[in-house]
Amino acid sequence: MEKRKISQITFAEHPDQGRKCWIPLSGCNFDCKGCISLSKEGTGRLLSVDELIDLVIKSCKVLYKGEKIKRVCITGGEPLLSKDYFILLINKFKSISVKKFELSTNGYFLDGELLKELCASKIDLLVKLDMKAYTNEIHKEYTGQDNTNVLNAVVLLSKYGSKLHKSGPEFVVRTVYMPDIFGLDEIEKIAKYLSKETKNICFRIQQFSPIHGKNISRRPTFDEMLKAYNVARKYLENVIISTYLPTRPEYNYVEIRADELIDMFKEIDRESSTVIESWNVKYFTMNQILKWEK
């Protein structure tokens, strides 16, 4: 059975939205210069789908006295490096009563065949598509890859999105605004391209934050974020700007971390606490969860 490396699983409890977990599948076909994810390099514990599901179930026993989660976000790295692993994981979660899913992807491997299969499985899936840049030269310089597949993914999601996700926007396109990498003209090009499909596409412009040694760009000011919003709104009706928040105060977070990466996590916690005064992520190790006997 195929296995993928998992660096950590993050559980969160929201007063209105309920319990949710984020699962990053390690490994990525992009080499984004600003990426700070541990999962980019294929690090973590090697787990089959069944082993991963077992870890999630046992984590729920420890954290929530056995009550199951209802929402799962599959992220990365790039989750679709192995489509078979992703589809099996989704179906296994569905069999243990998970109701809603999110896929966070760079879109490179998103194709019509996969979307047809996901539609046929009758799951409620929101796709969050990361578009690094519209201009191919900028995209190649930043990620090391051509963006043709990513642009095509927007067209495909416009066709299949409403069949996948019934309770909100059909899909979300996210762009991190890095003023030293591209300017407002690139934000405008992205928004204009998205509007060719429909003006109702949800476009989220996220604020870049130079942390963990990733100083490739400065953080855009709030005024610059507002300007980016106004530029995008010329073409799209559903534009959101979001500022960098490594932990959201409305969530109660707990991480299940791979024992093999504990030293790396300690360094991340140390660096993060120097930037964010409230940084204090609670965690268990995977071995602690698997050996729990209460």
C-alpha atoms as a PDB file:
ATOM      1  CA  MET A   1       0.000   0.000   0.000  1.00  0.00           C
ATOM      2  CA  GLU A   2       1.310   3.454  -0.955  1.00  0.00           C
ATOM      3  CA  LYS A   3       2.581   5.694   1.830  1.00  0.00           C
ATOM      4  CA  ARG A   4       3.247   9.421   2.152  1.00  0.00           C
ATOM      5  CA  LYS A   5       5.120  11.399   4.765  1.00  0.00           C
ATOM      6  CA  ILE A   6       3.153  13.463   7.279  1.00  0.00           C
ATOM      7  CA  SER A   7       4.890  16.172   9.318  1.00  0.00           C
ATOM      8  CA  GLN A   8       1.948  16.943  11.596  1.00  0.00           C
ATOM      9  CA  ILE A   9      -1.828  16.967  11.905  1.00  0.00           C
ATOM     10  CA  THR A  10      -3.461  20.126  13.215  1.00  0.00           C
ATOM     11  CA  PHE A  11      -6.776  19.932  15.052  1.00  0.00           C
ATOM     12  CA  ALA A  12      -8.880  22.997  15.738  1.00  0.00           C
ATOM     13  CA  GLU A  13     -12.151  23.723  17.459  1.00  0.00           C
ATOM     14  CA  HIS A  14     -14.230  26.715  16.388  1.00  0.00           C
ATOM     15  CA  PRO A  15     -17.247  27.873  18.433  1.00  0.00           C
ATOM     16  CA  ASP A  16     -19.447  28.108  15.326  1.00  0.00           C
ATOM     17  CA  GLN A  17     -17.881  25.779  12.755  1.00  0.00           C
ATOM     18  CA  GLY A  18     -17.070  22.858  15.035  1.00  0.00           C
ATOM     19  CA  ARG A  19     -14.028  20.594  14.880  1.00  0.00           C
ATOM     20  CA  LYS A  20     -11.685  20.431  11.931  1.00  0.00           C
ATOM     21  CA  CYS A  21      -8.274  19.007  11.111  1.00  0.00           C
ATOM     22  CA  TRP A  22      -5.590  19.961   8.593  1.00  0.00           C
ATOM     23  CA  ILE A  23      -3.421  17.194   7.126  1.00  0.00           C
ATOM     24  CA  PRO A  24      -0.359  18.238   5.094  1.00  0.00           C
ATOM     25  CA  LEU A  25       0.852  15.552   2.677  1.00  0.00           C
ATOM     26  CA  SER A  26       4.591  16.057   2.252  1.00  0.00           C
ATOM     27  CA  GLY A  27       6.397  16.611  -1.021  1.00  0.00           C
ATOM     28  CA  CYS A  28       5.805  19.246  -3.689  1.00  0.00           C
ATOM     29  CA  ASN A  29       6.521  19.722  -7.396  1.00  0.00           C
ATOM     30  CA  PHE A  30       6.966  23.482  -6.866  1.00  0.00           C
ATOM     31  CA  ASP A  31      10.019  25.087  -5.282  1.00  0.00           C
ATOM     32  CA  CYS A  32       8.441  28.333  -4.101  1.00  0.00           C
ATOM     33  CA  LYS A  33      11.032  30.748  -2.785  1.00  0.00           C
ATOM     34  CA  GLY A  34       8.788  32.026  -0.001  1.00  0.00           C
ATOM     35  CA  CYS A  35       7.457  28.671   1.242  1.00  0.00           C
ATOM     36  CA  ILE A  36       7.944  27.990   4.959  1.00  0.00           C
ATOM     37  CA  SER A  37       6.097  24.659   5.114  1.00  0.00           C
ATOM     38  CA  LEU A  38       7.899  21.636   6.570  1.00  0.00           C
ATOM     39  CA  SER A  39       5.917  19.556   4.100  1.00  0.00           C
ATOM     40  CA  LYS A  40       7.593  21.098   1.068  1.00  0.00           C
ATOM     41  CA  GLU A  41      10.608  18.773   1.213  1.00  0.00           C
ATOM     42  CA  GLY A  42       8.865  15.473   1.900  1.00  0.00           C
ATOM     43  CA  THR A  43       9.608  15.290   5.621  1.00  0.00           C
ATOM     44  CA  GLY A  44       7.725  13.517   8.379  1.00  0.00           C
ATOM     45  CA  ARG A  45       6.482  10.030   9.205  1.00  0.00           C
ATOM     46  CA  LEU A  46       5.708   7.640   6.365  1.00  0.00           C
ATOM     47  CA  LEU A  47       2.064   6.561   6.679  1.00  0.00           C
ATOM     48  CA  SER A  48      -0.378   4.587   4.574  1.00  0.00           C
ATOM     49  CA  VAL A  49      -3.942   5.883   4.296  1.00  0.00           C
ATOM     50  CA  ASP A  50      -5.117   3.323   6.865  1.00  0.00           C
ATOM     51  CA  GLU A  51      -2.317   4.295   9.270  1.00  0.00           C
ATOM     52  CA  LEU A  52      -3.146   7.977   8.840  1.00  0.00           C
ATOM     53  CA  ILE A  53      -6.855   7.397   9.466  1.00  0.00           C
ATOM     54  CA  ASP A  54      -5.974   5.343  12.558  1.00  0.00           C
ATOM     55  CA  LEU A  55      -3.815   8.210  13.854  1.00  0.00           C
ATOM     56  CA  VAL A  56      -6.662  10.694  13.342  1.00  0.00           C
ATOM     57  CA  ILE A  57      -9.173   8.426  15.125  1.00  0.00           C
ATOM     58  CA  LYS A  58      -6.827   7.892  18.079  1.00  0.00           C
ATOM     59  CA  SER A  59      -6.104  11.638  18.209  1.00  0.00           C
ATOM     60  CA  CYS A  60      -9.854  12.272  18.492  1.00  0.00           C
ATOM     61  CA  LYS A  61     -10.026   9.817  21.396  1.00  0.00           C
ATOM     62  CA  VAL A  62      -7.311  11.773  23.219  1.00  0.00           C
ATOM     63  CA  LEU A  63      -8.502  15.276  22.336  1.00  0.00           C
ATOM     64  CA  TYR A  64     -12.278  14.894  22.111  1.00  0.00           C
ATOM     65  CA  LYS A  65     -13.062  11.707  24.085  1.00  0.00           C
ATOM     66  CA  GLY A  66     -13.737   9.820  20.874  1.00  0.00           C
ATOM     67  CA  GLU A  67     -16.080  12.337  19.251  1.00  0.00           C
ATOM     68  CA  LYS A  68     -15.352  12.488  15.535  1.00  0.00           C
ATOM     69  CA  ILE A  69     -14.433  15.506  13.441  1.00  0.00           C
ATOM     70  CA  LYS A  70     -16.731  16.596  10.621  1.00  0.00           C
ATOM     71  CA  ARG A  71     -14.354  18.713   8.485  1.00  0.00           C
ATOM     72  CA  VAL A  72     -10.967  17.793   7.008  1.00  0.00           C
ATOM     73  CA  CYS A  73      -8.572  19.937   4.975  1.00  0.00           C
ATOM     74  CA  ILE A  74      -5.993  18.070   2.881  1.00  0.00           C
ATOM     75  CA  THR A  75      -3.034  20.321   2.179  1.00  0.00           C
ATOM     76  CA  GLY A  76       0.708  20.060   1.604  1.00  0.00           C
ATOM     77  CA  GLY A  77       3.284  20.151   0.166  1.00  0.00           C
ATOM     78  CA  GLU A  78       1.123  19.250  -2.774  1.00  0.00           C
ATOM     79  CA  PRO A  79      -1.667  16.734  -1.983  1.00  0.00           C
ATOM     80  CA  LEU A  80      -2.134  15.688  -5.616  1.00  0.00           C
ATOM     81  CA  LEU A  81       1.406  14.390  -6.138  1.00  0.00           C
ATOM     82  CA  SER A  82      -0.419  11.082  -5.725  1.00  0.00           C
ATOM     83  CA  LYS A  83      -4.033  11.297  -6.860  1.00  0.00           C
ATOM     84  CA  ASP A  84      -4.716   7.703  -5.810  1.00  0.00           C
ATOM     85  CA  TYR A  85      -3.585   8.402  -2.236  1.00  0.00           C
ATOM     86  CA  PHE A  86      -5.717  11.546  -2.090  1.00  0.00           C
ATOM     87  CA  ILE A  87      -8.873   9.867  -3.410  1.00  0.00           C
ATOM     88  CA  LEU A  88      -8.477   6.867  -1.097  1.00  0.00           C
ATOM     89  CA  LEU A  89      -7.929   9.196   1.867  1.00  0.00           C
ATOM     90  CA  ILE A  90     -11.065  11.189   1.061  1.00  0.00           C
ATOM     91  CA  ASN A  91     -13.163   8.035   0.702  1.00  0.00           C
ATOM     92  CA  LYS A  92     -11.823   6.560   3.963  1.00  0.00           C
ATOM     93  CA  PHE A  93     -12.682   9.746   5.827  1.00  0.00           C
ATOM     94  CA  LYS A  94     -16.134   9.711   4.274  1.00  0.00           C
ATOM     95  CA  SER A  95     -16.638   6.177   5.621  1.00  0.00           C
ATOM     96  CA  ILE A  96     -16.009   7.436   9.187  1.00  0.00           C
ATOM     97  CA  SER A  97     -18.626  10.183   8.897  1.00  0.00           C
ATOM     98  CA  VAL A  98     -16.545  13.188   7.810  1.00  0.00           C
ATOM     99  CA  LYS A  99     -19.031  15.485   6.062  1.00  0.00           C
ATOM    100  CA  LYS A 100     -16.998  18.321   4.539  1.00  0.00           C
ATOM    101  CA  PHE A 101     -13.613  18.431   2.830  1.00  0.00           C
ATOM    102  CA  GLU A 102     -11.170  21.055   1.625  1.00  0.00           C
ATOM    103  CA  LEU A 103      -8.323  20.587  -0.841  1.00  0.00           C
ATOM    104  CA  SER A 104      -5.508  23.125  -0.766  1.00  0.00           C
ATOM    105  CA  THR A 105      -3.546  22.724  -4.011  1.00  0.00           C
ATOM    106  CA  ASN A 106      -1.237  24.526  -6.430  1.00  0.00           C
ATOM    107  CA  GLY A 107      -3.478  23.207  -9.239  1.00  0.00           C
ATOM    108  CA  TYR A 108      -0.705  21.696 -11.339  1.00  0.00           C
ATOM    109  CA  PHE A 109      -2.156  18.167 -11.241  1.00  0.00           C
ATOM    110  CA  LEU A 110      -5.819  19.145 -11.192  1.00  0.00           C
ATOM    111  CA  ASP A 111      -7.462  17.729 -14.319  1.00  0.00           C
ATOM    112  CA  GLY A 112     -10.907  16.878 -15.659  1.00  0.00           C
ATOM    113  CA  GLU A 113     -10.602  13.156 -14.968  1.00  0.00           C
ATOM    114  CA  LEU A 114      -9.881  13.740 -11.271  1.00  0.00           C
ATOM    115  CA  LEU A 115     -12.712  16.253 -10.905  1.00  0.00           C
ATOM    116  CA  LYS A 116     -15.170  13.875 -12.590  1.00  0.00           C
ATOM    117  CA  GLU A 117     -14.163  11.136 -10.158  1.00  0.00           C
ATOM    118  CA  LEU A 118     -14.553  13.445  -7.180  1.00  0.00           C
ATOM    119  CA  CYS A 119     -17.981  14.559  -8.397  1.00  0.00           C
ATOM    120  CA  ALA A 120     -19.036  10.924  -8.792  1.00  0.00           C
ATOM    121  CA  SER A 121     -18.018  10.204  -5.188  1.00  0.00           C
ATOM    122  CA  LYS A 122     -20.633  12.763  -4.037  1.00  0.00           C
ATOM    123  CA  ILE A 123     -18.454  14.430  -1.433  1.00  0.00           C
ATOM    124  CA  ASP A 124     -18.735  18.049  -0.337  1.00  0.00           C
ATOM    125  CA  LEU A 125     -15.340  19.440  -1.379  1.00  0.00           C
ATOM    126  CA  LEU A 126     -14.126  23.045  -1.461  1.00  0.00           C
ATOM    127  CA  VAL A 127     -11.011  23.504  -3.607  1.00  0.00           C
ATOM    128  CA  LYS A 128      -8.595  26.244  -2.550  1.00  0.00           C
ATOM    129  CA  LEU A 129      -6.377  26.949  -5.538  1.00  0.00           C
ATOM    130  CA  ASP A 130      -3.102  28.792  -4.959  1.00  0.00           C
ATOM    131  CA  MET A 131      -2.218  30.980  -7.940  1.00  0.00           C
ATOM    132  CA  LYS A 132       1.312  32.302  -7.434  1.00  0.00           C
ATOM    133  CA  ALA A 133       1.301  34.606 -10.471  1.00  0.00           C
ATOM    134  CA  TYR A 134      -0.425  35.110 -13.809  1.00  0.00           C
ATOM    135  CA  THR A 135       2.664  36.037 -15.824  1.00  0.00           C
ATOM    136  CA  ASN A 136       4.433  32.817 -16.708  1.00  0.00           C
ATOM    137  CA  GLU A 137       7.945  34.271 -16.381  1.00  0.00           C
ATOM    138  CA  ILE A 138       7.218  35.441 -12.824  1.00  0.00           C
ATOM    139  CA  HIS A 139       5.627  32.093 -11.990  1.00  0.00           C
ATOM    140  CA  LYS A 140       8.622  30.142 -13.308  1.00  0.00           C
ATOM    141  CA  GLU A 141      11.095  32.359 -11.476  1.00  0.00           C
ATOM    142  CA  TYR A 142       9.202  31.959  -8.183  1.00  0.00           C
ATOM    143  CA  THR A 143       8.147  28.281  -8.363  1.00  0.00           C
ATOM    144  CA  GLY A 144      10.440  26.687 -10.953  1.00  0.00           C
ATOM    145  CA  GLN A 145       7.404  25.540 -12.938  1.00  0.00           C
ATOM    146  CA  ASP A 146       5.213  26.683 -15.828  1.00  0.00           C
ATOM    147  CA  ASN A 147       1.739  27.921 -14.821  1.00  0.00           C
ATOM    148  CA  THR A 148      -0.283  26.675 -17.822  1.00  0.00           C
ATOM    149  CA  ASN A 149      -1.855  23.840 -15.805  1.00  0.00           C
ATOM    150  CA  VAL A 150      -2.750  26.237 -12.986  1.00  0.00           C
ATOM    151  CA  LEU A 151      -4.560  28.596 -15.347  1.00  0.00           C
ATOM    152  CA  ASN A 152      -6.380  25.633 -16.910  1.00  0.00           C
ATOM    153  CA  ALA A 153      -7.417  24.489 -13.433  1.00  0.00           C
ATOM    154  CA  VAL A 154      -9.488  27.672 -13.068  1.00  0.00           C
ATOM    155  CA  VAL A 155     -11.451  26.757 -16.207  1.00  0.00           C
ATOM    156  CA  LEU A 156     -12.023  23.203 -14.960  1.00  0.00           C
ATOM    157  CA  LEU A 157     -13.127  24.355 -11.509  1.00  0.00           C
ATOM    158  CA  SER A 158     -15.559  26.788 -13.087  1.00  0.00           C
ATOM    159  CA  LYS A 159     -17.112  23.778 -14.833  1.00  0.00           C
ATOM    160  CA  TYR A 160     -17.142  21.299 -11.933  1.00  0.00           C
ATOM    161  CA  GLY A 161     -17.040  23.486  -8.796  1.00  0.00           C
ATOM    162  CA  SER A 162     -20.775  23.693  -8.150  1.00  0.00           C
ATOM    163  CA  LYS A 163     -21.029  19.885  -8.360  1.00  0.00           C
ATOM    164  CA  LEU A 164     -18.289  19.499  -5.740  1.00  0.00           C
ATOM    165  CA  HIS A 165     -19.152  22.134  -3.159  1.00  0.00           C
ATOM    166  CA  LYS A 166     -22.755  22.889  -2.320  1.00  0.00           C
ATOM    167  CA  SER A 167     -22.541  25.070   0.790  1.00  0.00           C
ATOM    168  CA  GLY A 168     -20.490  28.102  -0.274  1.00  0.00           C
ATOM    169  CA  PRO A 169     -18.302  29.453  -3.086  1.00  0.00           C
ATOM    170  CA  GLU A 170     -17.649  26.932  -5.843  1.00  0.00           C
ATOM    171  CA  PHE A 171     -13.904  27.302  -5.247  1.00  0.00           C
ATOM    172  CA  VAL A 172     -11.418  29.842  -3.930  1.00  0.00           C
ATOM    173  CA  VAL A 173      -8.363  31.271  -5.690  1.00  0.00           C
ATOM    174  CA  ARG A 174      -5.638  32.523  -3.338  1.00  0.00           C
ATOM    175  CA  THR A 175      -2.670  34.770  -4.131  1.00  0.00           C
ATOM    176  CA  VAL A 176       0.020  35.879  -1.702  1.00  0.00           C
ATOM    177  CA  TYR A 177       0.864  39.519  -2.367  1.00  0.00           C
ATOM    178  CA  MET A 178       4.674  39.977  -2.315  1.00  0.00           C
ATOM    179  CA  PRO A 179       5.488  43.556  -3.423  1.00  0.00           C
ATOM    180  CA  ASP A 180       9.168  42.803  -4.093  1.00  0.00           C
ATOM    181  CA  ILE A 181       8.210  39.912  -6.411  1.00  0.00           C
ATOM    182  CA  PHE A 182       5.282  41.490  -8.302  1.00  0.00           C
ATOM    183  CA  GLY A 183       3.182  44.624  -8.121  1.00  0.00           C
ATOM    184  CA  LEU A 184      -0.461  45.600  -8.379  1.00  0.00           C
ATOM    185  CA  ASP A 185      -0.356  45.029 -12.129  1.00  0.00           C
ATOM    186  CA  GLU A 186       0.019  41.295 -11.484  1.00  0.00           C
ATOM    187  CA  ILE A 187      -2.924  41.287  -9.062  1.00  0.00           C
ATOM    188  CA  GLU A 188      -4.942  43.001 -11.796  1.00  0.00           C
ATOM    189  CA  LYS A 189      -3.895  40.405 -14.402  1.00  0.00           C
ATOM    190  CA  ILE A 190      -4.991  37.566 -12.115  1.00  0.00           C
ATOM    191  CA  ALA A 191      -8.354  39.200 -11.357  1.00  0.00           C
ATOM    192  CA  LYS A 192      -8.962  39.974 -15.024  1.00  0.00           C
ATOM    193  CA  TYR A 193      -8.195  36.357 -15.991  1.00  0.00           C
ATOM    194  CA  LEU A 194     -10.511  34.976 -13.312  1.00  0.00           C
ATOM    195  CA  SER A 195     -13.326  37.276 -14.422  1.00  0.00           C
ATOM    196  CA  LYS A 196     -13.317  35.657 -17.868  1.00  0.00           C
ATOM    197  CA  GLU A 197     -14.948  32.614 -16.258  1.00  0.00           C
ATOM    198  CA  THR A 198     -17.274  34.451 -13.875  1.00  0.00           C
ATOM    199  CA  LYS A 199     -17.216  37.617 -11.797  1.00  0.00           C
ATOM    200  CA  ASN A 200     -18.391  35.576  -8.795  1.00  0.00           C
ATOM    201  CA  ILE A 201     -15.122  33.662  -8.320  1.00  0.00           C
ATOM    202  CA  CYS A 202     -13.894  34.045  -4.753  1.00  0.00           C
ATOM    203  CA  PHE A 203     -10.444  35.684  -4.883  1.00  0.00           C
ATOM    204  CA  ARG A 204      -8.452  35.920  -1.639  1.00  0.00           C
ATOM    205  CA  ILE A 205      -5.393  38.190  -1.561  1.00  0.00           C
ATOM    206  CA  GLN A 206      -3.140  37.188   1.320  1.00  0.00           C
ATOM    207  CA  GLN A 207      -0.468  39.332   2.952  1.00  0.00           C
ATOM    208  CA  PHE A 208       3.087  37.993   2.694  1.00  0.00           C
ATOM    209  CA  SER A 209       5.047  37.898   5.953  1.00  0.00           C
ATOM    210  CA  PRO A 210       8.846  37.449   5.910  1.00  0.00           C
ATOM    211  CA  ILE A 211       9.379  34.926   8.723  1.00  0.00           C
ATOM    212  CA  HIS A 212      11.617  31.896   9.281  1.00  0.00           C
ATOM    213  CA  GLY A 213      14.374  33.336   7.102  1.00  0.00           C
ATOM    214  CA  LYS A 214      12.144  33.848   4.058  1.00  0.00           C
ATOM    215  CA  ASN A 215      12.992  37.499   3.445  1.00  0.00           C
ATOM    216  CA  ILE A 216      12.451  37.481  -0.311  1.00  0.00           C
ATOM    217  CA  SER A 217       9.951  40.322  -0.018  1.00  0.00           C
ATOM    218  CA  ARG A 218       8.789  42.848   2.530  1.00  0.00           C
ATOM    219  CA  ARG A 219       5.342  42.618   4.067  1.00  0.00           C
ATOM    220  CA  PRO A 220       2.853  44.793   2.123  1.00  0.00           C
ATOM    221  CA  THR A 221       1.303  47.578   4.167  1.00  0.00           C
ATOM    222  CA  PHE A 222      -2.397  47.593   4.981  1.00  0.00           C
ATOM    223  CA  ASP A 223      -2.802  50.502   2.559  1.00  0.00           C
ATOM    224  CA  GLU A 224      -1.182  48.401  -0.184  1.00  0.00           C
ATOM    225  CA  MET A 225      -3.529  45.524   0.623  1.00  0.00           C
ATOM    226  CA  LEU A 226      -6.500  47.868   0.262  1.00  0.00           C
ATOM    227  CA  LYS A 227      -5.174  49.045  -3.097  1.00  0.00           C
ATOM    228  CA  ALA A 228      -4.844  45.411  -4.206  1.00  0.00           C
ATOM    229  CA  TYR A 229      -8.441  44.829  -3.106  1.00  0.00           C
ATOM    230  CA  ASN A 230      -9.691  47.808  -5.102  1.00  0.00           C
ATOM    231  CA  VAL A 231      -7.760  46.733  -8.201  1.00  0.00           C
ATOM    232  CA  ALA A 232      -9.254  43.230  -8.056  1.00  0.00           C
ATOM    233  CA  ARG A 233     -12.755  44.572  -7.392  1.00  0.00           C
ATOM    234  CA  LYS A 234     -12.762  46.232 -10.804  1.00  0.00           C
ATOM    235  CA  TYR A 235     -13.170  42.725 -12.226  1.00  0.00           C
ATOM    236  CA  LEU A 236     -14.532  40.488  -9.465  1.00  0.00           C
ATOM    237  CA  GLU A 237     -17.440  40.763  -7.035  1.00  0.00           C
ATOM    238  CA  ASN A 238     -16.102  38.422  -4.347  1.00  0.00           C
ATOM    239  CA  VAL A 239     -12.669  39.691  -3.230  1.00  0.00           C
ATOM    240  CA  ILE A 240     -11.193  39.157   0.237  1.00  0.00           C
ATOM    241  CA  ILE A 241      -7.958  40.456   1.728  1.00  0.00           C
ATOM    242  CA  SER A 242      -6.366  38.682   4.681  1.00  0.00           C
ATOM    243  CA  THR A 243      -3.414  39.660   6.823  1.00  0.00           C
ATOM    244  CA  TYR A 244      -0.857  37.183   8.120  1.00  0.00           C
ATOM    245  CA  LEU A 245      -2.043  35.379  11.263  1.00  0.00           C
ATOM    246  CA  PRO A 246      -0.123  32.170  12.072  1.00  0.00           C
ATOM    247  CA  THR A 247      -2.717  31.343  14.736  1.00  0.00           C
ATOM    248  CA  ARG A 248      -6.305  32.541  14.693  1.00  0.00           C
ATOM    249  CA  PRO A 249      -7.519  33.626  18.138  1.00  0.00           C
ATOM    250  CA  GLU A 250     -11.019  32.222  17.555  1.00  0.00           C
ATOM    251  CA  TYR A 251      -9.624  28.683  17.122  1.00  0.00           C
ATOM    252  CA  ASN A 252      -8.357  26.319  19.797  1.00  0.00           C
ATOM    253  CA  TYR A 253      -5.394  24.558  18.145  1.00  0.00           C
ATOM    254  CA  VAL A 254      -3.602  21.310  18.979  1.00  0.00           C
ATOM    255  CA  GLU A 255      -0.915  19.731  16.773  1.00  0.00           C
ATOM    256  CA  ILE A 256       0.037  16.067  16.509  1.00  0.00           C
ATOM    257  CA  ARG A 257       3.696  16.218  15.478  1.00  0.00           C
ATOM    258  CA  ALA A 258       5.967  13.569  13.971  1.00  0.00           C
ATOM    259  CA  ASP A 259       8.519  12.525  16.599  1.00  0.00           C
ATOM    260  CA  GLU A 260      11.170  12.500  13.873  1.00  0.00           C
ATOM    261  CA  LEU A 261      10.768  16.283  13.451  1.00  0.00           C
ATOM    262  CA  ILE A 262      10.515  17.425  17.073  1.00  0.00           C
ATOM    263  CA  ASP A 263      13.819  19.320  16.999  1.00  0.00           C
ATOM    264  CA  MET A 264      12.683  21.179  13.869  1.00  0.00           C
ATOM    265  CA  PHE A 265       9.353  22.053  15.497  1.00  0.00           C
ATOM    266  CA  LYS A 266      11.127  23.362  18.590  1.00  0.00           C
ATOM    267  CA  GLU A 267      13.157  25.715  16.404  1.00  0.00           C
ATOM    268  CA  ILE A 268       9.984  26.844  14.590  1.00  0.00           C
ATOM    269  CA  ASP A 269       8.288  27.495  17.939  1.00  0.00           C
ATOM    270  CA  ARG A 270      11.315  29.445  19.167  1.00  0.00           C
ATOM    271  CA  GLU A 271      11.483  31.656  16.071  1.00  0.00           C
ATOM    272  CA  SER A 272       7.716  32.162  15.950  1.00  0.00           C
ATOM    273  CA  SER A 273       7.550  33.227  19.603  1.00  0.00           C
ATOM    274  CA  THR A 274      10.022  36.040  18.874  1.00  0.00           C
ATOM    275  CA  VAL A 275       7.647  37.425  16.231  1.00  0.00           C
ATOM    276  CA  ILE A 276       4.264  36.605  17.777  1.00  0.00           C
ATOM    277  CA  GLU A 277       3.870  37.323  21.463  1.00  0.00           C
ATOM    278  CA  SER A 278       0.902  34.973  21.861  1.00  0.00           C
ATOM    279  CA  TRP A 279       2.602  32.010  20.117  1.00  0.00           C
ATOM    280  CA  ASN A 280       1.958  28.932  22.253  1.00  0.00           C
ATOM    281  CA  VAL A 281       0.814  25.966  20.173  1.00  0.00           C
ATOM    282  CA  LYS A 282      -0.144  22.921  22.213  1.00  0.00           C
ATOM    283  CA  TYR A 283       1.004  19.582  20.832  1.00  0.00           C
ATOM    284  CA  PHE A 284       1.366  15.843  21.287  1.00  0.00           C
ATOM    285  CA  THR A 285       3.792  13.639  19.402  1.00  0.00           C
ATOM    286  CA  MET A 286       2.511  10.892  17.134  1.00  0.00           C
ATOM    287  CA  ASN A 287       4.072   8.259  19.405  1.00  0.00           C
ATOM    288  CA  GLN A 288       2.281   9.715  22.436  1.00  0.00           C
ATOM    289  CA  ILE A 289      -1.045   9.419  20.625  1.00  0.00           C
ATOM    290  CA  LEU A 290      -0.401   5.885  19.377  1.00  0.00           C
ATOM    291  CA  LYS A 291       0.679   4.690  22.837  1.00  0.00           C
ATOM    292  CA  TRP A 292      -2.149   6.428  24.727  1.00  0.00           C
ATOM    293  CA  GLU A 293      -3.908   3.944  27.022  1.00  0.00           C
ATOM    294  CA  LYS A 294      -6.535   5.988  28.877  1.00  0.00           C
END
